[in-house]
Protein backbone atom coordinates (compact mmCIF):
# COMPACT_ATOMS: atom_id res chain seq x y z
CA MET A 1 109.47 96.49 92.31
CA ARG A 2 107.60 99.34 90.63
CA HIS A 3 109.87 98.89 87.60
CA LYS A 4 108.82 95.23 87.35
CA ILE A 5 105.13 96.17 87.65
CA ALA A 6 105.52 98.74 84.87
CA GLN A 7 107.37 96.18 82.74
CA TYR A 8 104.58 93.60 83.20
CA GLU A 9 101.91 96.18 82.37
CA SER A 10 103.82 97.20 79.24
CA GLU A 11 104.14 93.56 78.14
CA LEU A 12 100.44 93.03 78.82
CA HIS A 13 99.58 96.04 76.65
CA GLN A 14 101.85 94.78 73.87
CA ALA A 15 100.20 91.35 74.00
CA ASN A 16 96.75 92.93 73.72
CA VAL A 17 97.86 95.01 70.72
CA LYS A 18 99.42 91.94 69.11
CA ARG A 19 96.21 89.94 69.64
CA ALA A 20 94.12 92.70 68.06
CA ASN A 21 96.52 92.96 65.11
CA LEU A 22 96.45 89.18 64.55
CA LEU A 23 92.68 89.10 64.44
CA ASP A 24 92.53 92.16 62.21
CA ALA A 25 95.11 90.67 59.83
CA PHE A 26 93.21 87.39 59.75
CA VAL A 27 89.96 89.11 58.86
CA ARG A 28 91.63 91.17 56.13
CA GLU A 29 93.79 88.47 54.55
CA VAL A 30 91.82 85.27 54.96
CA LEU A 31 88.18 86.26 55.00
CA ILE A 32 88.16 89.34 52.77
CA ASP A 33 91.15 89.30 50.37
CA SER A 34 91.87 85.60 50.09
CA THR A 35 90.72 83.12 47.56
CA ASP A 36 91.86 80.37 49.93
CA THR A 37 89.39 77.56 50.27
CA LYS A 38 90.66 76.54 53.69
CA PRO A 39 90.00 79.49 56.00
CA VAL A 40 89.17 77.09 58.84
CA GLN A 41 92.80 75.96 59.13
CA SER A 42 93.98 79.56 59.07
CA LEU A 43 91.42 80.45 61.69
CA ARG A 44 92.65 77.64 63.93
CA ALA A 45 96.24 78.83 63.59
CA VAL A 46 95.31 82.40 64.45
CA LEU A 47 93.13 81.32 67.35
CA GLY A 48 95.98 79.15 68.65
CA ARG A 49 98.33 82.15 68.61
CA VAL A 50 95.69 84.32 70.26
CA ALA A 51 95.14 81.71 72.99
CA ALA A 52 98.89 81.47 73.64
CA ASP A 53 99.17 85.25 73.83
CA THR A 54 96.19 85.36 76.19
CA ARG A 55 97.85 82.83 78.53
CA ILE A 56 101.06 84.87 78.53
CA ALA A 57 99.11 88.07 79.22
CA ARG A 58 97.26 86.43 82.13
CA HIS A 59 100.57 85.23 83.57
CA LYS A 60 102.03 88.75 83.35
CA LEU A 61 98.93 90.22 84.97
CA ARG A 62 99.15 87.75 87.87
CA ALA A 63 102.85 88.48 88.32
CA ALA A 64 102.12 92.21 88.45
CA ASP A 65 99.31 91.60 90.96
CA ARG A 66 101.66 89.56 93.19
CA LEU A 67 104.11 92.44 93.20
CA ARG A 68 101.32 94.92 93.99
CA VAL A 69 100.23 92.72 96.89
CA GLU A 70 103.76 92.84 98.32
CA VAL A 71 103.88 96.63 98.01
CA HIS A 72 100.56 97.07 99.81
CA LYS A 73 101.47 94.48 102.43
CA LYS A 74 104.64 96.40 103.30
CA PHE A 75 102.48 99.39 104.23
CA SER A 76 99.40 97.69 105.66
CA ILE A 77 101.19 95.55 108.25
CA PRO A 78 102.82 98.53 110.01
CA ALA A 79 99.54 100.44 109.80
CA ALA A 80 97.85 97.57 111.64
CA CYS A 81 99.41 98.93 114.85
CA VAL A 82 96.86 101.75 114.85
CA ALA A 83 93.99 99.29 114.41
CA PHE A 84 95.33 97.11 117.23
CA VAL A 85 95.58 100.12 119.54
CA LEU A 86 91.93 100.91 118.79
CA VAL A 87 91.02 97.35 119.72
CA GLY A 88 93.50 96.94 122.59
CA ALA A 89 92.58 100.03 124.59
CA PRO A 90 88.92 99.10 125.16
CA ILE A 91 89.88 95.48 125.82
CA GLY A 92 92.43 96.68 128.39
CA VAL A 93 89.84 98.83 130.14
CA TRP A 94 87.32 96.02 130.04
CA ALA A 95 89.86 93.42 131.24
CA ARG A 96 90.64 95.56 134.27
CA SER A 97 87.22 94.81 135.65
CA SER A 98 87.60 91.10 134.92
CA SER A 99 90.51 88.71 134.57
CA ALA A 100 93.68 89.69 132.69
CA ALA A 101 93.73 86.26 131.08
CA ILE A 102 90.38 86.95 129.45
CA GLY A 103 91.70 90.20 127.97
CA ALA A 104 94.82 88.43 126.68
CA ALA A 105 92.74 85.64 125.14
CA ILE A 106 90.45 88.13 123.40
CA SER A 107 93.46 90.08 122.11
CA ILE A 108 95.03 86.92 120.71
CA GLY A 109 91.69 86.08 119.13
CA PHE A 110 91.53 89.48 117.41
CA PHE A 111 95.07 89.04 116.15
CA LEU A 112 94.31 85.58 114.75
CA VAL A 113 91.20 86.84 112.95
CA TRP A 114 93.21 89.76 111.51
CA TRP A 115 95.98 87.41 110.41
CA ILE A 116 93.53 84.99 108.74
CA PHE A 117 91.97 87.91 106.85
CA LEU A 118 95.41 89.15 105.81
CA ILE A 119 96.59 85.76 104.53
CA GLY A 120 93.25 85.01 102.88
CA GLY A 121 93.22 88.41 101.21
CA GLU A 122 96.77 87.90 100.00
CA LYS A 123 95.85 84.57 98.41
CA LEU A 124 92.73 86.02 96.78
CA ALA A 125 94.69 88.97 95.42
CA ASP A 126 97.45 86.72 94.11
CA ARG A 127 94.82 84.76 92.19
CA GLY A 128 93.26 87.94 90.82
CA VAL A 129 89.94 87.58 92.69
CA LEU A 130 90.38 90.80 94.73
CA MET A 131 92.25 93.98 93.98
CA PRO A 132 95.63 93.96 95.78
CA TRP A 133 95.09 97.21 97.69
CA PHE A 134 91.66 96.07 98.89
CA ALA A 135 92.87 92.65 99.97
CA MET A 136 95.74 94.04 102.03
CA TRP A 137 93.91 96.93 103.68
CA ILE A 138 90.52 95.39 104.51
CA PRO A 139 91.79 93.53 107.62
CA ASN A 140 93.03 96.84 109.05
CA VAL A 141 89.80 98.64 108.22
CA LEU A 142 87.64 95.92 109.79
CA THR A 143 89.83 95.77 112.90
CA ALA A 144 89.75 99.56 113.25
CA LEU A 145 85.95 99.57 112.90
CA VAL A 146 85.63 96.92 115.61
CA GLY A 147 88.00 98.98 117.77
CA ALA A 148 85.96 102.13 117.21
CA VAL A 149 82.76 100.32 118.18
CA LEU A 150 84.40 98.88 121.31
CA SER A 151 85.77 102.31 122.22
CA ALA A 152 82.34 103.88 121.79
CA ARG A 153 80.79 101.21 124.02
CA ILE A 154 83.42 101.75 126.73
CA ILE A 155 82.92 105.53 126.59
CA CYS A 156 79.14 105.08 126.86
CA GLU A 157 79.54 102.69 129.80
CA TRP A 158 81.84 105.13 131.57
CA GLY A 159 79.32 107.91 131.04
CA VAL A 160 76.57 105.77 132.62
CA LYS A 161 78.78 104.77 135.59
CA ARG A 162 79.86 108.33 136.36
CA ARG A 163 76.32 109.74 136.50
């Protein structure tokens, strides 16, 4: 997968160099050195080639981003276990004092919110709106932060009860 990402980045760089060379050649040949009376047609041809190269470059960039999303997803999903432990422990302590069904429902709710963030982030990263690493890791970070806050609240409540 890393080989494909490197290949796409190389092709993207080559397309950018080609685009710059086309525009430079157009400026030199048509606008400066030429006695051609129809530079507008030449400009249209060059701009058409530049637009085609730009579309190809965007396609390669999106393909590389999709591969990066998959790489980050392979690591972020297993790491979610730590975030779920941080959320699950305080919920388990809290559910002890109330109904177990309430704790299970809250846990399922946290999982669904995490999953929605993961899928939404994946779609946004595939479209190039978010960076792939950010889109795949933000659900874990948010879940871990919520878990840390819940843990702190449980610890504070225990401290109050024991005094």
